[in-house]
Amino acid sequence: MGQPLLQTDCPNLNLVARGKVRDIYDLGEYLMLVASDRISTFDVVFPNGVPDKGRVLTQISRFWFERFADVTPNHVVSFDLADFPAATHAYADQLEGRSLLCRKATPLAIECVVRGYLDGSAWAEYRDQGGRIASGHNLPAGLLQRSKLPEPIFTPATKATSGHDINIAEAEAARIVGQDKFEAARSRSLALYSRAHDYLTGRGITLCDTKFEFGEAEDGGILLIDEILTPDSSRFMVGDSYNPDSEPVSFDKQFVRDWVVSTGWQKTPPAPTIPDEIVEQTRQRYLEVFRSITGNELS
């Protein structure tokens, strides 16, 4: 297990933002997104990371962007460093395999969440509000946590600058971004989820829910942006473990969540250092979901 890349150091490039995972560079005509190996839970970034995590996220996104190019236009220019501006090549040791050159777009101010199963915040709303959830969907009575829904539902959320996103009604989402943009984002999100769910079912993975982001390009077109259908943006479970009767087996950073909860940490900064064995178990989960989705080893 090599050392994790916690942040990029490219002094001759224009760094414009660091997110919880990605470093973003403005290269003039295009942006470059670099997925680090940082890991967070409860919206707090840990002091150590998970080796290969950023490469897994980037290469899974590449797989989906290429597979679903017929569903929606996206912001991808290239994943291959050879196609990037020459100024980036000096930093190949940091960028190779974990970077995306993309078109600039203004992100829509909503998160586009699709759920095929009742879990997470939607389950909490359903349980507490008598079957109704914030997005305005009235679901059948008697559902249990992790029940499969009659059909996938679109449950938009606000984009929080800190803390958790807030689930909102579809009508509110349409008011925020405009009806036409909302309809484009909603229809494409549902189509992407359905295609991905069917594919993953055949690979032994249940796609419980996922989050998409869309942006408006300079020409006014709506583009799929950011990452897509990764363990950081989706709830992936081992297929036959995901049902209302048992605790499922996840393909993400659940090892870290379980460990940090057991420490009694109060979910506020600073986060504790993750033990090596938890880091390695988490790394193996990311590599396993990469193999399961793509059929390949991470090269």
Protein backbone atom coordinates (compact mmCIF):
# COMPACT_ATOMS: atom_id res chain seq x y z
CA MET A 1 0.00 0.00 0.00
CA GLY A 2 1.53 3.29 -1.12
CA GLN A 3 1.19 6.70 0.42
CA PRO A 4 -2.08 8.58 -0.11
CA LEU A 5 -2.14 11.83 -2.06
CA LEU A 6 -3.76 14.20 0.43
CA GLN A 7 -3.49 17.27 -1.77
CA THR A 8 -1.89 18.28 -5.02
CA ASP A 9 1.01 20.70 -5.18
CA CYS A 10 1.15 22.26 -8.65
CA PRO A 11 2.55 25.77 -8.07
CA ASN A 12 2.55 26.79 -11.75
CA LEU A 13 -1.16 25.99 -12.15
CA ASN A 14 -4.08 28.09 -10.98
CA LEU A 15 -5.66 26.30 -8.01
CA VAL A 16 -9.12 27.78 -7.46
CA ALA A 17 -10.68 25.44 -4.89
CA ARG A 18 -10.15 22.43 -2.65
CA GLY A 19 -13.22 20.40 -1.80
CA LYS A 20 -13.51 17.49 0.58
CA VAL A 21 -11.96 15.27 -2.10
CA ARG A 22 -11.19 17.28 -5.26
CA ASP A 23 -8.65 19.98 -6.05
CA ILE A 24 -9.87 22.23 -8.88
CA TYR A 25 -7.57 24.11 -11.25
CA ASP A 26 -8.56 26.76 -13.78
CA LEU A 27 -6.53 26.11 -16.94
CA GLY A 28 -8.09 28.91 -18.97
CA GLU A 29 -10.49 27.38 -21.46
CA TYR A 30 -11.03 24.33 -19.27
CA LEU A 31 -11.03 23.20 -15.65
CA MET A 32 -9.00 20.31 -14.26
CA LEU A 33 -10.53 18.25 -11.46
CA VAL A 34 -8.10 16.14 -9.43
CA ALA A 35 -9.46 13.50 -7.04
CA SER A 36 -7.22 13.26 -3.99
CA ASP A 37 -7.15 10.38 -1.51
CA ARG A 38 -8.79 12.47 1.19
CA ILE A 39 -11.68 10.81 3.01
CA SER A 40 -14.41 12.34 5.11
CA THR A 41 -17.35 11.23 7.19
CA PHE A 42 -20.06 13.41 8.68
CA ASP A 43 -18.68 16.23 6.51
CA VAL A 44 -15.30 16.27 8.30
CA VAL A 45 -12.07 15.37 6.47
CA PHE A 46 -9.67 12.99 8.23
CA PRO A 47 -5.98 13.82 8.64
CA ASN A 48 -4.90 10.70 6.75
CA GLY A 49 -6.34 9.31 3.54
CA VAL A 50 -6.96 6.07 1.65
CA PRO A 51 -4.35 5.23 -1.02
CA ASP A 52 -5.80 4.81 -4.54
CA LYS A 53 -9.21 6.20 -3.53
CA GLY A 54 -8.96 9.20 -5.88
CA ARG A 55 -7.89 7.02 -8.79
CA VAL A 56 -10.81 4.65 -8.14
CA LEU A 57 -13.29 7.54 -8.09
CA THR A 58 -11.89 9.03 -11.29
CA GLN A 59 -11.76 5.78 -13.23
CA ILE A 60 -15.25 4.72 -12.15
CA SER A 61 -16.54 8.10 -13.30
CA ARG A 62 -14.73 7.61 -16.59
CA PHE A 63 -16.43 4.24 -17.07
CA TRP A 64 -19.89 5.72 -16.56
CA PHE A 65 -19.34 8.93 -18.52
CA GLU A 66 -18.27 6.88 -21.51
CA ARG A 67 -21.03 4.30 -21.09
CA PHE A 68 -23.84 6.84 -20.77
CA ALA A 69 -22.76 9.49 -23.26
CA ASP A 70 -25.99 8.78 -25.16
CA VAL A 71 -28.17 9.68 -22.16
CA THR A 72 -26.91 13.22 -21.59
CA PRO A 73 -24.14 15.55 -22.72
CA ASN A 74 -21.41 15.84 -20.10
CA HIS A 75 -18.49 18.10 -19.29
CA VAL A 76 -15.70 15.62 -20.12
CA VAL A 77 -12.94 16.77 -22.45
CA SER A 78 -10.43 14.04 -21.59
CA PHE A 79 -9.22 11.76 -18.82
CA ASP A 80 -5.87 11.23 -20.57
CA LEU A 81 -3.07 13.47 -19.32
CA ALA A 82 -1.51 13.53 -22.78
CA ASP A 83 -4.51 15.60 -23.91
CA PHE A 84 -4.16 18.13 -21.08
CA PRO A 85 -2.38 21.47 -21.53
CA ALA A 86 1.40 21.10 -21.56
CA ALA A 87 1.78 22.98 -18.26
CA THR A 88 0.17 20.06 -16.42
CA HIS A 89 2.64 17.44 -17.63
CA ALA A 90 5.31 18.43 -15.11
CA TYR A 91 2.98 17.15 -12.40
CA ALA A 92 2.18 13.81 -13.99
CA ASP A 93 3.19 11.90 -10.84
CA GLN A 94 0.33 13.62 -8.99
CA LEU A 95 -2.23 13.82 -11.80
CA GLU A 96 -1.99 10.57 -13.74
CA GLY A 97 -5.13 8.44 -13.40
CA ARG A 98 -6.92 10.78 -11.02
CA SER A 99 -7.56 13.88 -13.16
CA LEU A 100 -10.30 15.07 -15.49
CA LEU A 101 -10.07 17.89 -18.03
CA CYS A 102 -13.55 19.34 -18.40
CA ARG A 103 -15.64 22.10 -19.90
CA LYS A 104 -16.60 24.97 -17.66
CA ALA A 105 -20.20 25.08 -16.52
CA THR A 106 -22.20 26.91 -13.87
CA PRO A 107 -23.52 24.23 -11.48
CA LEU A 108 -27.28 24.10 -10.99
CA ALA A 109 -28.07 25.02 -7.39
CA ILE A 110 -29.67 21.66 -6.55
CA GLU A 111 -28.44 18.15 -5.90
CA CYS A 112 -30.19 15.62 -8.14
CA VAL A 113 -30.82 12.55 -6.00
CA VAL A 114 -32.54 9.43 -7.30
CA ARG A 115 -33.71 6.68 -4.96
CA GLY A 116 -34.81 3.19 -5.88
CA TYR A 117 -34.97 1.99 -2.28
CA LEU A 118 -36.15 3.56 0.96
CA ASP A 119 -33.09 4.40 3.01
CA GLY A 120 -31.05 7.27 4.42
CA SER A 121 -32.80 10.61 4.94
CA ALA A 122 -35.81 9.51 2.87
CA TRP A 123 -36.39 6.60 5.25
CA ALA A 124 -36.19 8.95 8.24
CA GLU A 125 -38.75 11.29 6.65
CA TYR A 126 -41.07 8.43 5.73
CA ARG A 127 -40.91 6.99 9.24
CA ASP A 128 -41.45 10.35 10.97
CA GLN A 129 -44.01 11.90 8.63
CA GLY A 130 -46.43 9.07 8.08
CA GLY A 131 -45.39 8.02 4.61
CA ARG A 132 -44.71 11.41 3.04
CA ILE A 133 -41.21 12.63 2.20
CA ALA A 134 -39.87 16.13 1.59
CA SER A 135 -39.71 15.82 -2.18
CA GLY A 136 -43.51 15.56 -2.24
CA HIS A 137 -43.80 11.86 -3.01
CA ASN A 138 -46.54 9.98 -1.17
CA LEU A 139 -45.19 6.46 -0.77
CA PRO A 140 -47.19 3.30 -0.04
CA ALA A 141 -47.91 2.51 3.60
CA GLY A 142 -46.08 -0.25 5.40
CA LEU A 143 -42.67 0.08 3.77
CA LEU A 144 -39.61 -0.89 5.78
CA GLN A 145 -36.11 0.54 5.70
CA ARG A 146 -34.42 -0.65 2.50
CA SER A 147 -37.73 -1.62 0.86
CA LYS A 148 -37.59 -1.41 -2.92
CA LEU A 149 -39.80 1.44 -4.11
CA PRO A 150 -42.52 0.82 -6.73
CA GLU A 151 -40.41 2.93 -9.10
CA PRO A 152 -37.34 5.16 -8.69
CA ILE A 153 -38.12 8.64 -7.38
CA PHE A 154 -36.37 11.98 -7.81
CA THR A 155 -35.68 13.68 -4.47
CA PRO A 156 -33.80 16.97 -4.98
CA ALA A 157 -31.85 18.73 -2.27
CA THR A 158 -30.26 22.09 -1.70
CA LYS A 159 -26.48 22.42 -1.95
CA ALA A 160 -25.20 23.26 1.51
CA THR A 161 -21.91 25.17 1.75
CA SER A 162 -21.33 23.37 5.06
CA GLY A 163 -23.12 20.53 6.81
CA HIS A 164 -25.72 18.34 5.18
CA ASP A 165 -27.82 19.10 2.12
CA ILE A 166 -31.52 19.70 2.82
CA ASN A 167 -34.19 17.70 1.00
CA ILE A 168 -36.74 19.88 -0.79
CA ALA A 169 -39.92 19.47 -2.82
CA GLU A 170 -39.68 19.12 -6.57
CA ALA A 171 -41.67 22.35 -6.97
CA GLU A 172 -39.11 24.22 -4.86
CA ALA A 173 -36.25 22.76 -6.91
CA ALA A 174 -37.96 23.91 -10.11
CA ARG A 175 -38.38 27.40 -8.65
CA ILE A 176 -34.67 27.55 -7.76
CA VAL A 177 -33.25 26.52 -11.15
CA GLY A 178 -36.15 27.20 -13.53
CA GLN A 179 -38.69 24.71 -14.88
CA ASP A 180 -36.86 23.80 -18.09
CA LYS A 181 -33.53 23.13 -16.37
CA PHE A 182 -35.30 21.21 -13.63
CA GLU A 183 -37.10 18.97 -16.10
CA ALA A 184 -33.87 18.27 -17.97
CA ALA A 185 -32.01 17.40 -14.78
CA ARG A 186 -34.86 15.29 -13.42
CA SER A 187 -35.47 13.24 -16.57
CA ARG A 188 -31.78 12.62 -17.19
CA SER A 189 -31.16 11.66 -13.55
CA LEU A 190 -33.95 9.09 -13.60
CA ALA A 191 -32.72 7.65 -16.91
CA LEU A 192 -29.15 7.40 -15.63
CA TYR A 193 -30.24 5.70 -12.42
CA SER A 194 -32.40 3.14 -14.22
CA ARG A 195 -29.69 2.23 -16.71
CA ALA A 196 -27.04 1.99 -13.99
CA HIS A 197 -29.29 -0.01 -11.65
CA ASP A 198 -30.01 -2.60 -14.32
CA TYR A 199 -26.32 -2.91 -15.23
CA LEU A 200 -25.17 -3.18 -11.61
CA THR A 201 -27.79 -5.78 -10.72
CA GLY A 202 -26.07 -8.06 -13.20
CA ARG A 203 -22.75 -7.36 -11.45
CA GLY A 204 -24.04 -8.33 -8.00
CA ILE A 205 -24.45 -4.75 -6.75
CA THR A 206 -27.60 -3.00 -5.59
CA LEU A 207 -27.66 0.72 -6.44
CA CYS A 208 -29.84 2.01 -3.63
CA ASP A 209 -29.57 5.72 -4.41
CA THR A 210 -27.19 8.14 -6.05
CA LYS A 211 -26.55 11.84 -6.58
CA PHE A 212 -25.94 13.63 -9.86
CA GLU A 213 -24.87 17.19 -10.57
CA PHE A 214 -25.65 19.22 -13.64
CA GLY A 215 -24.34 22.53 -14.87
CA GLU A 216 -25.16 25.10 -17.53
CA ALA A 217 -22.48 25.51 -20.19
CA GLU A 218 -21.61 28.86 -21.73
CA ASP A 219 -23.78 27.98 -24.74
CA GLY A 220 -26.76 27.33 -22.46
CA GLY A 221 -26.66 23.55 -22.72
CA ILE A 222 -27.20 21.42 -19.61
CA LEU A 223 -24.24 19.14 -18.88
CA LEU A 224 -23.71 16.27 -16.46
CA ILE A 225 -20.75 17.37 -14.31
CA ASP A 226 -18.55 16.39 -11.37
CA GLU A 227 -18.35 12.67 -10.59
CA ILE A 228 -20.93 10.04 -11.46
CA LEU A 229 -22.03 6.79 -9.80
CA THR A 230 -19.02 6.42 -7.51
CA PRO A 231 -18.94 5.01 -3.96
CA ASP A 232 -18.71 8.60 -2.70
CA SER A 233 -21.87 9.75 -4.51
CA SER A 234 -23.90 6.53 -4.34
CA ARG A 235 -25.13 3.93 -1.91
CA PHE A 236 -23.72 0.69 -3.34
CA MET A 237 -24.46 -2.56 -1.50
CA VAL A 238 -23.62 -6.20 -2.08
CA GLY A 239 -26.72 -7.22 -3.99
CA ASP A 240 -28.05 -10.12 -1.95
CA SER A 241 -27.36 -8.35 1.35
CA TYR A 242 -29.66 -5.39 0.67
CA ASN A 243 -33.12 -6.11 2.03
CA PRO A 244 -35.32 -4.96 4.92
CA ASP A 245 -34.42 -7.95 7.08
CA SER A 246 -30.66 -7.57 7.57
CA GLU A 247 -27.81 -5.08 7.82
CA PRO A 248 -26.35 -4.74 4.30
CA VAL A 249 -22.72 -5.00 3.23
CA SER A 250 -21.56 -1.73 1.67
CA PHE A 251 -18.98 -0.89 -1.00
CA ASP A 252 -17.76 2.38 0.44
CA LYS A 253 -16.23 4.03 3.50
CA GLN A 254 -18.51 2.25 5.97
CA PHE A 255 -15.46 0.74 7.68
CA VAL A 256 -14.37 4.27 8.53
CA ARG A 257 -17.83 5.34 9.69
CA ASP A 258 -18.20 2.28 11.92
CA TRP A 259 -14.75 2.73 13.43
CA VAL A 260 -15.09 6.44 14.10
CA VAL A 261 -18.51 6.02 15.72
CA SER A 262 -17.00 3.38 18.03
CA THR A 263 -14.39 5.89 19.22
CA GLY A 264 -17.01 8.23 20.62
CA TRP A 265 -15.87 11.08 18.36
CA GLN A 266 -18.43 13.89 18.40
CA LYS A 267 -18.48 14.40 14.60
CA THR A 268 -16.86 17.82 14.81
CA PRO A 269 -13.32 18.85 13.75
CA PRO A 270 -10.67 17.75 14.24
CA ALA A 271 -11.24 14.19 13.08
CA PRO A 272 -9.04 11.46 14.58
CA THR A 273 -6.36 9.61 12.62
CA ILE A 274 -7.67 6.42 11.02
CA PRO A 275 -5.77 3.24 12.02
CA ASP A 276 -3.81 1.52 9.26
CA GLU A 277 -5.99 -1.59 9.30
CA ILE A 278 -9.16 0.44 8.80
CA VAL A 279 -7.48 2.38 5.98
CA GLU A 280 -6.51 -0.85 4.24
CA GLN A 281 -9.95 -2.45 4.64
CA THR A 282 -11.51 0.69 3.18
CA ARG A 283 -9.01 0.72 0.32
CA GLN A 284 -9.86 -2.89 -0.51
CA ARG A 285 -13.56 -2.04 -0.61
CA TYR A 286 -12.93 0.75 -3.12
CA LEU A 287 -10.79 -1.56 -5.26
CA GLU A 288 -13.43 -4.29 -5.05
CA VAL A 289 -16.23 -2.04 -6.24
CA PHE A 290 -14.00 -0.85 -9.10
CA ARG A 291 -13.47 -4.46 -10.19
CA SER A 292 -17.14 -5.28 -9.79
CA ILE A 293 -18.33 -2.33 -11.86
CA THR A 294 -15.74 -2.31 -14.64
CA GLY A 295 -14.59 -5.92 -14.76
CA ASN A 296 -10.98 -4.73 -14.63
CA GLU A 297 -8.20 -4.26 -12.11
CA LEU A 298 -7.13 -0.71 -11.31
CA SER A 299 -3.99 -0.17 -13.36
